[in-house]
Protein backbone atom coordinates (compact mmCIF):
# COMPACT_ATOMS: atom_id res chain seq x y z
CA MET A 1 -47.89 96.89 -61.07
CA ASN A 2 -49.83 98.41 -58.17
CA LEU A 3 -53.18 96.66 -57.81
CA SER A 4 -54.86 99.72 -56.28
CA ILE A 5 -54.51 101.61 -59.57
CA LYS A 6 -54.75 98.76 -62.07
CA LYS A 7 -58.50 99.43 -62.27
CA TYR A 8 -57.71 102.75 -63.98
CA TYR A 9 -55.85 101.15 -66.92
CA ILE A 10 -59.08 101.00 -68.93
CA PHE A 11 -59.27 104.80 -68.87
CA CYS A 12 -55.72 105.08 -70.19
CA TYR A 13 -56.67 102.83 -73.13
CA ARG A 14 -59.74 104.99 -73.70
CA ASN A 15 -57.59 108.14 -73.69
CA ARG A 16 -55.17 106.56 -76.16
CA ARG A 17 -58.04 106.04 -78.60
CA ILE A 18 -59.15 109.63 -78.08
CA LEU A 19 -55.61 110.91 -78.67
CA LYS A 20 -55.26 108.93 -81.89
CA LYS A 21 -58.54 110.41 -83.12
CA LYS A 22 -57.34 113.92 -82.27
CA ILE A 23 -54.09 113.32 -84.18
CA SER A 24 -56.04 112.03 -87.16
CA ASN A 25 -58.25 115.14 -87.22
CA PHE A 26 -55.17 117.32 -86.88
CA SER A 27 -53.52 115.65 -89.88
CA LYS A 28 -56.60 116.24 -92.04
CA GLU A 29 -56.86 119.93 -91.16
CA THR A 30 -55.39 122.31 -93.78
CA ASP A 31 -55.94 125.74 -92.19
CA GLU A 32 -52.76 126.83 -90.39
CA LYS A 33 -54.42 128.74 -87.54
CA LYS A 34 -56.86 125.91 -86.86
CA LYS A 35 -53.99 123.44 -87.00
CA ILE A 36 -52.06 125.41 -84.38
CA ALA A 37 -55.11 125.45 -82.11
CA LEU A 38 -55.61 121.71 -82.57
CA SER A 39 -51.93 121.06 -81.83
CA PHE A 40 -52.17 122.79 -78.45
CA ASP A 41 -55.25 120.73 -77.61
CA ILE A 42 -53.39 117.54 -78.57
CA MET A 43 -50.28 118.45 -76.57
CA ASP A 44 -52.34 119.32 -73.52
CA PHE A 45 -54.24 116.04 -73.77
CA ALA A 46 -51.07 113.99 -74.37
CA GLU A 47 -49.45 115.48 -71.26
CA ARG A 48 -52.35 114.89 -68.89
CA SER A 49 -54.16 111.84 -70.30
CA GLY A 50 -51.78 108.99 -69.53
CA ALA A 51 -52.13 107.71 -73.11
CA GLY A 52 -48.50 106.54 -73.24
CA TYR A 53 -47.24 108.99 -75.90
CA TYR A 54 -43.97 110.79 -75.15
CA THR A 55 -43.59 112.53 -78.50
CA ILE A 56 -45.94 113.01 -81.47
CA SER A 57 -44.35 113.06 -84.91
CA GLU A 58 -47.29 114.84 -86.55
CA ILE A 59 -46.87 117.79 -84.16
CA GLU A 60 -43.10 117.88 -84.68
CA ASP A 61 -43.43 117.74 -88.48
CA PHE A 62 -46.00 120.54 -88.54
CA TYR A 63 -43.86 122.94 -86.54
CA ILE A 64 -40.73 122.00 -88.50
CA LYS A 65 -42.64 123.06 -91.61
CA LEU A 66 -43.52 126.36 -89.93
CA ALA A 67 -39.85 126.81 -89.05
CA HIS A 68 -39.06 127.16 -92.76
CA SER A 69 -41.65 129.91 -93.16
CA ILE A 70 -39.87 132.49 -91.01
CA ASP A 71 -36.68 134.41 -91.71
CA THR A 72 -33.68 132.56 -93.09
CA ILE A 73 -30.59 132.21 -90.93
CA GLU A 74 -27.85 134.78 -91.16
CA ASP A 75 -24.38 134.43 -89.69
CA GLY A 76 -24.42 135.70 -86.13
CA ILE A 77 -21.76 137.50 -84.11
CA PHE A 78 -21.22 135.14 -81.19
CA TYR A 79 -20.33 136.03 -77.65
CA PRO A 80 -17.38 133.74 -76.85
CA ASN A 81 -18.12 130.90 -74.39
CA SER A 82 -21.73 132.01 -74.13
CA TYR A 83 -25.00 130.21 -73.46
CA LEU A 84 -28.61 131.24 -73.80
CA HIS A 85 -31.07 129.60 -71.40
CA VAL A 86 -34.60 129.42 -72.79
CA MET A 87 -37.58 129.30 -70.43
CA THR A 88 -41.27 129.60 -71.17
CA THR A 89 -42.03 131.16 -67.78
CA ALA A 90 -40.04 131.58 -64.57
CA TYR A 91 -41.80 131.35 -61.19
CA THR A 92 -40.96 132.49 -57.68
CA THR A 93 -42.27 129.17 -56.31
CA GLY A 94 -41.56 125.58 -57.34
CA GLY A 95 -38.28 123.87 -58.12
CA HIS A 96 -38.19 124.36 -61.91
CA SER A 97 -36.96 127.97 -61.81
CA ARG A 98 -34.60 127.35 -58.90
CA VAL A 99 -32.75 124.69 -60.89
CA VAL A 100 -32.11 127.20 -63.69
CA ALA A 101 -30.63 129.62 -61.17
CA ARG A 102 -28.41 126.86 -59.75
CA TRP A 103 -27.24 125.86 -63.24
CA ILE A 104 -26.07 129.39 -63.92
CA GLU A 105 -24.62 130.23 -60.53
CA THR A 106 -22.47 127.07 -60.46
CA SER A 107 -21.07 127.61 -63.98
CA PRO A 108 -17.45 128.76 -64.50
CA GLU A 109 -16.99 132.50 -64.15
CA GLU A 110 -15.61 132.82 -67.66
CA GLN A 111 -18.89 131.59 -69.15
CA LYS A 112 -21.55 134.12 -70.14
CA HIS A 113 -25.08 132.96 -69.31
CA SER A 114 -28.17 134.83 -70.45
CA LEU A 115 -31.86 133.99 -70.17
CA VAL A 116 -34.85 134.56 -72.43
CA LEU A 117 -38.41 134.28 -71.12
CA LEU A 118 -40.90 133.52 -73.87
CA ASN A 119 -44.17 133.93 -72.00
CA GLN A 120 -43.44 135.63 -68.69
CA GLY A 121 -46.50 137.86 -68.70
CA ASN A 122 -46.95 139.61 -65.36
CA ASN A 123 -45.09 136.93 -63.40
CA GLU A 124 -42.27 138.24 -61.25
CA ILE A 125 -38.77 137.16 -62.33
CA PRO A 126 -37.20 135.28 -59.39
CA GLN A 127 -34.44 137.21 -57.65
CA ASP A 128 -32.06 134.23 -57.56
CA ILE A 129 -32.22 133.97 -61.36
CA GLN A 130 -31.58 137.70 -61.73
CA THR A 131 -28.57 137.46 -59.41
CA ALA A 132 -27.14 134.38 -61.13
CA VAL A 133 -27.42 135.89 -64.62
CA ALA A 134 -25.88 139.19 -63.50
CA SER A 135 -22.95 137.37 -61.87
CA HIS A 136 -22.12 135.74 -65.21
CA GLY A 137 -22.28 138.89 -67.31
CA GLY A 138 -25.53 137.86 -68.94
CA ASP A 139 -28.76 139.54 -69.88
CA ILE A 140 -32.40 138.70 -69.25
CA TYR A 141 -34.68 139.09 -72.26
CA VAL A 142 -38.46 139.11 -71.84
CA SER A 143 -40.39 138.58 -75.04
CA SER A 144 -43.47 140.74 -75.52
CA ASN A 145 -44.64 138.89 -78.63
CA GLN A 146 -48.12 137.41 -78.44
CA ASP A 147 -47.96 135.76 -81.86
CA LEU A 148 -46.32 132.32 -81.92
CA LEU A 149 -44.41 132.83 -85.18
CA GLU A 150 -43.21 136.30 -84.14
CA ASN A 151 -42.01 134.87 -80.84
CA ALA A 152 -40.10 132.14 -82.67
CA ARG A 153 -38.57 134.70 -85.03
CA TYR A 154 -37.47 136.76 -82.02
CA LEU A 155 -35.94 133.69 -80.34
CA ARG A 156 -34.08 132.62 -83.49
CA LYS A 157 -32.55 136.06 -84.03
CA LEU A 158 -31.55 136.38 -80.37
CA SER A 159 -30.00 132.89 -80.33
CA LEU A 160 -27.58 133.74 -83.12
CA GLN A 161 -25.48 135.65 -80.56
CA TYR A 162 -24.72 132.56 -78.46
CA LYS A 163 -22.54 129.48 -78.82
CA GLY A 164 -24.91 127.11 -77.06
CA ILE A 165 -28.64 126.92 -76.34
CA ILE A 166 -30.01 125.34 -73.14
CA LEU A 167 -33.75 124.64 -73.05
CA HIS A 168 -35.82 124.63 -69.85
CA ILE A 169 -39.14 125.09 -71.65
CA HIS A 170 -42.62 123.94 -70.76
CA PRO A 171 -43.63 120.61 -72.35
CA LYS A 172 -46.32 122.21 -74.53
CA ASP A 173 -44.30 125.18 -75.81
CA PRO A 174 -43.49 124.72 -79.55
CA THR A 175 -41.71 128.07 -79.94
CA SER A 176 -38.27 126.44 -79.92
CA ILE A 177 -39.21 123.95 -82.66
CA ILE A 178 -40.10 126.84 -84.98
CA ALA A 179 -37.03 128.84 -83.99
CA TYR A 180 -34.52 125.99 -84.34
CA GLY A 181 -36.29 123.66 -86.77
CA VAL A 182 -33.98 124.31 -89.72
CA ASN A 183 -30.55 122.82 -90.37
CA THR A 184 -29.18 126.23 -91.35
CA PHE A 185 -29.34 127.11 -87.65
CA LYS A 186 -26.01 125.66 -86.53
CA THR A 187 -25.86 126.37 -82.78
CA PRO A 188 -26.15 123.09 -80.80
CA ILE A 189 -29.11 122.68 -78.46
CA LEU A 190 -29.22 121.00 -75.04
CA MET A 191 -32.48 120.13 -73.31
CA PHE A 192 -32.45 119.97 -69.51
CA ASN A 193 -35.34 117.56 -69.36
CA HIS A 194 -37.27 118.23 -66.17
CA ALA A 195 -40.30 116.47 -67.71
CA ASP A 196 -38.45 113.36 -68.87
CA HIS A 197 -41.25 111.13 -67.55
CA ASN A 198 -44.02 112.77 -69.60
CA TYR A 199 -44.95 114.01 -73.07
CA TRP A 200 -43.19 117.11 -74.38
CA CYS A 201 -42.68 118.66 -77.81
CA GLY A 202 -39.28 119.46 -79.31
CA ALA A 203 -37.55 116.09 -79.59
CA SER A 204 -36.84 116.77 -83.26
CA ILE A 205 -34.61 119.79 -82.57
CA VAL A 206 -32.66 118.60 -79.50
CA ASP A 207 -29.00 117.64 -80.07
CA VAL A 208 -28.14 116.57 -76.51
CA ILE A 209 -30.55 115.79 -73.70
CA ALA A 210 -29.94 115.77 -69.95
CA ASP A 211 -32.67 113.77 -68.19
CA ILE A 212 -33.14 114.06 -64.44
CA ARG A 213 -34.16 110.38 -64.18
CA ASP A 214 -32.49 107.26 -65.50
CA ASN A 215 -35.70 105.83 -66.96
CA GLY A 216 -34.70 105.26 -70.61
CA ILE A 217 -37.80 106.97 -72.01
CA SER A 218 -35.90 109.44 -74.19
CA GLN A 219 -33.99 106.67 -75.94
CA LYS A 220 -36.88 104.23 -76.24
CA TYR A 221 -39.82 106.50 -77.05
CA ARG A 222 -38.25 109.73 -78.38
CA ASN A 223 -35.56 108.27 -80.66
CA ILE A 224 -32.82 110.37 -79.03
CA ASP A 225 -29.36 108.82 -78.79
CA ASP A 226 -27.32 111.45 -76.94
CA VAL A 227 -29.03 111.12 -73.55
CA TYR A 228 -27.27 111.74 -70.25
CA VAL A 229 -28.51 111.77 -66.66
CA LEU A 230 -28.05 115.04 -64.78
CA ARG A 231 -29.87 115.02 -61.48
CA ILE A 232 -31.22 118.05 -59.69
CA PRO A 233 -28.45 120.10 -58.02
CA ILE A 234 -28.46 121.36 -54.45
CA GLU A 235 -28.56 125.07 -53.80
CA SER A 236 -24.92 126.08 -53.43
CA ASN A 237 -25.58 129.21 -51.34
CA PHE A 238 -28.27 127.64 -49.17
CA ASN A 239 -28.29 129.41 -45.81
CA LEU A 240 -30.46 127.78 -43.16
CA ASN A 241 -28.03 127.80 -40.26
CA LYS A 242 -29.40 130.90 -38.59
CA TYR A 243 -32.86 129.30 -38.57
CA ILE A 244 -31.75 125.78 -37.60
CA ASN A 245 -29.74 127.12 -34.69
CA ALA A 246 -32.77 129.08 -33.60
CA LYS A 247 -35.39 126.33 -33.78
CA SER A 248 -37.16 127.56 -30.66
CA SER A 249 -37.52 131.12 -31.94
CA SER A 250 -38.69 129.84 -35.35
CA ARG A 251 -41.44 127.86 -33.65
CA LEU A 252 -42.32 130.80 -31.45
CA SER A 253 -42.73 133.13 -34.43
CA LEU A 254 -44.87 130.53 -36.26
CA GLY A 255 -47.04 129.86 -33.24
CA ILE A 256 -45.90 126.24 -32.84
CA ALA A 257 -45.54 124.86 -29.32
CA GLN A 258 -42.04 123.74 -28.33
CA ASP A 259 -43.13 120.25 -27.23
CA VAL A 260 -45.05 119.38 -30.41
CA LYS A 261 -43.59 116.91 -32.91
CA VAL A 262 -43.82 118.46 -36.37
CA ILE A 263 -44.05 116.65 -39.71
CA LEU A 264 -43.49 118.83 -42.77
CA THR A 265 -44.29 118.14 -46.42
CA ILE A 266 -43.88 120.46 -49.41
CA GLY A 267 -45.23 120.25 -52.95
CA ARG A 268 -47.78 121.69 -55.34
CA SER A 269 -51.36 120.57 -54.77
CA ALA A 270 -51.41 118.18 -57.74
CA LYS A 271 -48.78 116.00 -56.08
CA TYR A 272 -51.23 115.11 -53.29
CA LYS A 273 -54.13 114.00 -55.51
CA SER A 274 -55.44 110.79 -53.96
CA ILE A 275 -55.42 107.67 -56.09
CA GLY A 276 -56.88 104.25 -55.43
CA ASN A 277 -56.75 103.62 -51.70
CA ILE A 278 -53.69 105.80 -51.20
CA GLU A 279 -54.16 109.29 -49.78
CA PHE A 280 -51.43 111.36 -48.11
CA CYS A 281 -53.46 112.63 -45.15
CA ASN A 282 -54.80 109.15 -44.36
CA VAL A 283 -51.26 107.80 -44.20
CA ILE A 284 -49.94 110.69 -42.11
CA TYR A 285 -52.94 110.69 -39.79
CA SER A 286 -52.06 107.09 -38.87
CA VAL A 287 -48.67 108.40 -37.74
CA LEU A 288 -50.13 111.39 -35.88
CA GLN A 289 -52.52 109.14 -33.95
CA GLN A 290 -49.57 107.23 -32.51
CA VAL A 291 -47.75 110.44 -31.49
CA PRO A 292 -50.40 112.39 -29.55
CA SER A 293 -48.55 115.71 -29.36
CA SER A 294 -47.91 116.01 -33.10
CA ILE A 295 -49.00 117.91 -36.20
CA CYS A 296 -48.36 117.91 -39.94
CA TYR A 297 -47.92 121.10 -41.98
CA GLY A 298 -48.17 121.11 -45.76
CA ILE A 299 -46.62 123.90 -47.82
CA GLY A 300 -48.42 123.86 -51.15
CA PRO A 301 -51.65 121.97 -50.38
CA THR A 302 -54.84 123.91 -49.67
CA GLU A 303 -58.04 122.88 -47.89
CA GLU A 304 -59.42 121.75 -51.27
CA THR A 305 -56.45 119.40 -51.82
CA GLY A 306 -57.33 115.76 -51.21
CA PHE A 307 -58.37 115.22 -47.58
CA TRP A 308 -56.37 118.18 -46.24
CA GLY A 309 -59.47 120.20 -45.43
CA ASN A 310 -61.03 117.62 -43.10
CA THR A 311 -58.18 115.60 -41.59
CA PRO A 312 -57.39 116.43 -37.94
CA LYS A 313 -53.88 117.70 -37.23
CA CYS A 314 -53.09 118.09 -40.97
CA VAL A 315 -52.70 121.82 -41.66
CA PRO A 316 -52.56 123.03 -45.29
CA LEU A 317 -50.58 126.25 -45.60
CA GLY A 318 -50.98 126.90 -49.32
CA GLU A 319 -48.08 128.35 -51.28
CA ILE A 320 -45.25 129.98 -49.36
CA ALA A 321 -42.51 131.63 -51.40
CA TYR A 322 -38.87 130.84 -50.67
CA GLY A 323 -37.73 133.11 -47.92
CA GLU A 324 -37.83 133.59 -44.15
CA GLU A 325 -41.22 131.96 -43.47
CA TYR A 326 -40.41 128.97 -45.70
CA TYR A 327 -37.07 128.42 -43.94
CA LYS A 328 -38.65 128.77 -40.51
CA TYR A 329 -41.03 125.88 -41.20
CA LEU A 330 -38.05 123.75 -42.22
CA ALA A 331 -36.26 124.76 -39.04
CA ALA A 332 -39.32 124.02 -36.90
CA ALA A 333 -39.88 120.51 -38.27
CA ASP A 334 -38.78 117.16 -36.82
CA LEU A 335 -39.51 114.93 -39.83
CA TYR A 336 -40.02 115.54 -43.54
CA VAL A 337 -42.37 113.27 -45.52
CA ASP A 338 -42.31 113.37 -49.32
CA SER A 339 -45.45 114.28 -51.25
CA LEU A 340 -47.69 111.38 -52.24
CA PRO A 341 -48.44 109.92 -54.74
CA ILE A 342 -46.10 112.11 -56.83
CA GLY A 343 -42.73 112.62 -55.19
CA GLY A 344 -40.74 115.83 -54.95
CA GLY A 345 -37.24 117.04 -55.72
CA VAL A 346 -35.92 120.46 -54.74
CA ALA A 347 -38.03 120.65 -51.56
CA ILE A 348 -36.52 117.36 -50.37
CA MET A 349 -33.05 118.80 -50.84
CA ASP A 350 -34.07 121.76 -48.72
CA ALA A 351 -35.24 119.36 -46.00
CA ILE A 352 -32.04 117.29 -46.06
CA GLN A 353 -29.93 120.44 -45.98
CA ALA A 354 -32.02 121.52 -42.99
CA HIS A 355 -30.82 118.27 -41.33
CA LEU A 356 -34.25 116.68 -41.31
CA PRO A 357 -34.72 112.92 -41.80
CA VAL A 358 -36.75 112.34 -44.98
CA LEU A 359 -39.18 109.49 -45.64
CA SER A 360 -40.94 108.59 -48.87
CA TYR A 361 -43.93 106.25 -48.98
CA SER A 362 -43.02 104.79 -52.39
CA VAL A 363 -45.93 102.65 -53.49
CA PHE A 364 -46.05 103.58 -57.17
CA ASN A 365 -43.90 103.62 -60.30
CA PRO A 366 -40.36 104.82 -59.41
CA ASP A 367 -40.64 107.63 -61.97
CA PHE A 368 -42.90 109.35 -59.47
CA GLY A 369 -40.97 108.75 -56.30
CA SER A 370 -38.37 111.06 -54.85
CA LEU A 371 -35.93 112.59 -57.34
CA VAL A 372 -33.25 112.79 -54.68
CA GLU A 373 -30.71 110.05 -53.96
CA GLY A 374 -30.43 109.01 -50.33
CA VAL A 375 -34.07 109.36 -49.35
CA THR A 376 -35.43 106.43 -47.35
CA LYS A 377 -38.15 104.85 -49.51
CA ILE A 378 -40.63 102.41 -47.98
CA SER A 379 -43.32 100.57 -49.95
CA LYS A 380 -45.19 98.88 -47.07
CA LYS A 381 -47.49 101.02 -44.95
CA LYS A 382 -46.79 99.20 -41.67
CA GLU A 383 -43.03 99.65 -42.05
CA PHE A 384 -43.51 103.30 -43.01
CA LEU A 385 -45.66 104.00 -39.95
CA GLU A 386 -43.26 102.25 -37.58
CA LEU A 387 -40.23 104.14 -38.87
CA ALA A 388 -42.01 107.50 -38.96
CA VAL A 389 -43.16 107.14 -35.36
CA SER A 390 -39.73 106.00 -34.15
CA LEU A 391 -38.02 108.95 -35.87
CA LEU A 392 -40.39 111.39 -34.18
CA LEU A 393 -39.80 109.85 -30.75
CA ASP A 394 -36.10 108.93 -30.96
CA SER A 395 -33.92 112.00 -31.56
CA LYS A 396 -30.67 110.00 -31.87
CA LYS A 397 -32.14 107.75 -34.55
CA SER A 398 -33.50 110.80 -36.33
CA GLU A 399 -30.12 112.58 -36.30
CA ALA A 400 -28.29 109.47 -37.52
CA LEU A 401 -30.62 109.04 -40.50
CA ALA A 402 -30.49 112.73 -41.36
CA CYS A 403 -26.68 112.62 -41.34
CA GLN A 404 -26.61 109.52 -43.55
CA GLN A 405 -29.04 111.05 -46.03
CA TYR A 406 -27.06 114.27 -46.19
CA LYS A 407 -23.86 112.42 -47.10
CA THR A 408 -25.59 110.44 -49.85
CA MET A 409 -27.29 113.50 -51.28
CA MET A 410 -24.02 115.42 -51.43
CA LYS A 411 -22.41 112.55 -53.32
CA TYR A 412 -25.00 112.64 -56.12
CA HIS A 413 -26.32 116.19 -56.01
CA GLY A 414 -23.51 118.19 -54.40
CA THR A 415 -22.26 121.24 -56.26
CA ARG A 416 -18.81 119.87 -57.10
CA GLY A 417 -19.91 116.52 -58.52
CA TRP A 418 -23.02 117.89 -60.21
CA ASN A 419 -21.13 120.76 -61.79
CA ALA A 420 -18.45 118.40 -63.12
CA LYS A 421 -21.15 116.24 -64.71
CA LYS A 422 -22.85 119.30 -66.14
CA GLU A 423 -19.64 120.62 -67.67
CA ASP A 424 -18.93 117.19 -69.18
CA ILE A 425 -22.29 117.42 -70.94
CA ILE A 426 -21.54 120.99 -72.02
CA SER A 427 -18.25 119.76 -73.54
CA ILE A 428 -20.19 117.16 -75.52
CA LEU A 429 -22.59 119.90 -76.65
CA LYS A 430 -19.69 122.05 -77.89
CA GLY A 431 -18.65 119.26 -80.25
CA LYS A 432 -22.11 119.04 -81.78
CA LYS A 433 -23.56 120.70 -84.84
CA HIS A 434 -27.27 121.31 -84.72
CA SER A 435 -29.42 119.05 -86.86
CA VAL A 436 -33.15 118.49 -87.21
CA LYS A 437 -34.25 114.88 -86.80
CA LYS A 438 -37.21 112.91 -88.07
CA ILE A 439 -39.23 111.61 -85.12
CA ARG A 440 -41.54 108.59 -85.24
CA ASN A 441 -44.28 107.70 -82.79
CA ILE A 442 -43.57 104.87 -80.37
CA SER A 443 -46.21 104.51 -77.69
CA SER A 444 -45.49 102.70 -74.44
CA SER A 445 -47.55 99.91 -72.97
CA ILE A 446 -50.22 101.04 -70.50
CA ASP A 447 -48.82 100.79 -66.97
CA ASP A 448 -48.79 102.50 -63.59
CA ARG A 449 -46.80 105.39 -65.04
CA CYS A 450 -49.61 106.16 -67.49
CA VAL A 451 -52.19 106.29 -64.69
CA MET A 452 -49.94 108.59 -62.69
CA LEU A 453 -49.47 110.92 -65.67
CA GLY A 454 -53.23 111.09 -66.05
CA ILE A 455 -53.87 111.43 -62.35
CA LYS A 456 -55.87 114.66 -62.65
CA SER A 457 -58.28 113.43 -65.33
CA ILE A 458 -58.18 109.63 -65.18
CA VAL A 459 -58.55 109.18 -61.44
CA THR A 460 -61.31 111.77 -61.04
CA ASP A 461 -63.20 110.55 -64.09
CA GLY A 462 -62.43 106.92 -63.31
CA ASP A 463 -63.61 107.14 -59.70
CA ARG A 464 -66.84 108.75 -60.85
CA LYS A 465 -67.51 106.02 -63.43
CA ILE A 466 -66.41 103.21 -61.13
CA GLN A 467 -68.70 104.57 -58.43
CA ALA A 468 -71.56 104.79 -60.93
CA SER A 469 -70.82 101.25 -62.07
CA ASN A 470 -70.85 100.01 -58.47
CA ILE A 471 -74.18 101.70 -57.80
CA PHE A 472 -75.60 100.17 -60.98
CA SER A 473 -74.34 96.74 -59.94
CA ARG A 474 -75.91 97.04 -56.49
CA VAL A 475 -79.25 98.12 -58.00
CA MET A 476 -79.21 95.23 -60.47
CA LYS A 477 -78.44 92.76 -57.69
CA LYS A 478 -81.44 94.01 -55.71
CA ILE A 479 -83.70 93.72 -58.77
CA ILE A 480 -82.52 90.18 -59.48
CA TYR A 481 -82.90 89.25 -55.81
CA TYR A 482 -86.45 90.66 -55.83
CA PHE A 483 -87.53 88.57 -58.85
CA ILE A 484 -85.86 85.41 -57.47
CA ASN A 485 -87.88 85.80 -54.28
CA LYS A 486 -91.04 86.35 -56.32
CA ILE A 487 -90.46 83.10 -58.13
């Protein structure tokens, strides 16, 4: 338990009561369209509220019922040794889409891997995904269906051509439940669970699950037995050497002085939301003050993120797509610091592969720390500051730590070991026959994890109410003091 966020527990309990009320109203509703709308509201709230629910049986049961309302299953003509990856949306930024590309590109050549995008809209399909799919003789399908049931019907029909289904869907996307929520659909389904720490729908139709964390949530709160840990893989064709070996020119092109010590951090804005007395820029500024000629760049954060807009020597760069500019910032850096309070994954791998030492100020639940093995995690601020400063000033110490972290990362996330683990899970999937399972609700106790899951709503709302409560208390004290003096 972290005392700086314990004060927010009360808001998690409040949100749990709200969620239960929403579920109750959902269960009473009889109109299908209204029920679908209510389900999306419930799923959105469950994901962001920190109420301690990791699956909701009422949602699963409703969509299983809808699954029986669309076309019956016909025998499909399978592509041999073929797999269909299912994504809600692919993005050119963020680690989620890059992991899908790595999964496909590291698979055996004899396997056919295709991809279906259920809600891509106008988003550009990442080039690395296109290349990976093409190299494995696959196809990319982009659904144009706006209707949920039509989209599910499309997915079911398409899936009949493949021997295995691999889900990379968004937590609130029920399309797969409708498509695969009947036992007459026989193709086994694997979920690569990038959101294993949070609520997501679909537990009732998953046959095998690959979590990226060893946190036990899927077994304990989702009633899933076949759970395996498959960590995030490194990028097998990662090519930073031409930038690393040209650090001076990278800095020159970015307008960074050669004698400046550079800290780099990468992550979406939400990962830097301040909580309690912990704020990324405050921590980093303490380091920068001790190294006069230094600066911190953040890829992802904007001026509106936390204290980024008003902290000296902390420069928010906003989103930068993977490519030359992104790699140049990695090449120009001297130290990488993980996002705080929510840790990163793929970006850390990029930093370690760029031969940067990586530090993580791990003060919260381990589910939200770095997803990468080998990262140096420090829970005490004084120790973090001392090590960060010494790494910036001592190049030999920095190189030694970077080398050590690289070796550890390769052991757990390297292409050979990761691919072997992945193929072991695929072999288990091949031996499965798809079945729909009955899910029951098991809520967790309220803890730090819940607060972190509700960081966007709980902390903002909580801080506002705590501040109001403090003001009220101060006013009351003055009133009482006034009347005591009168007496």
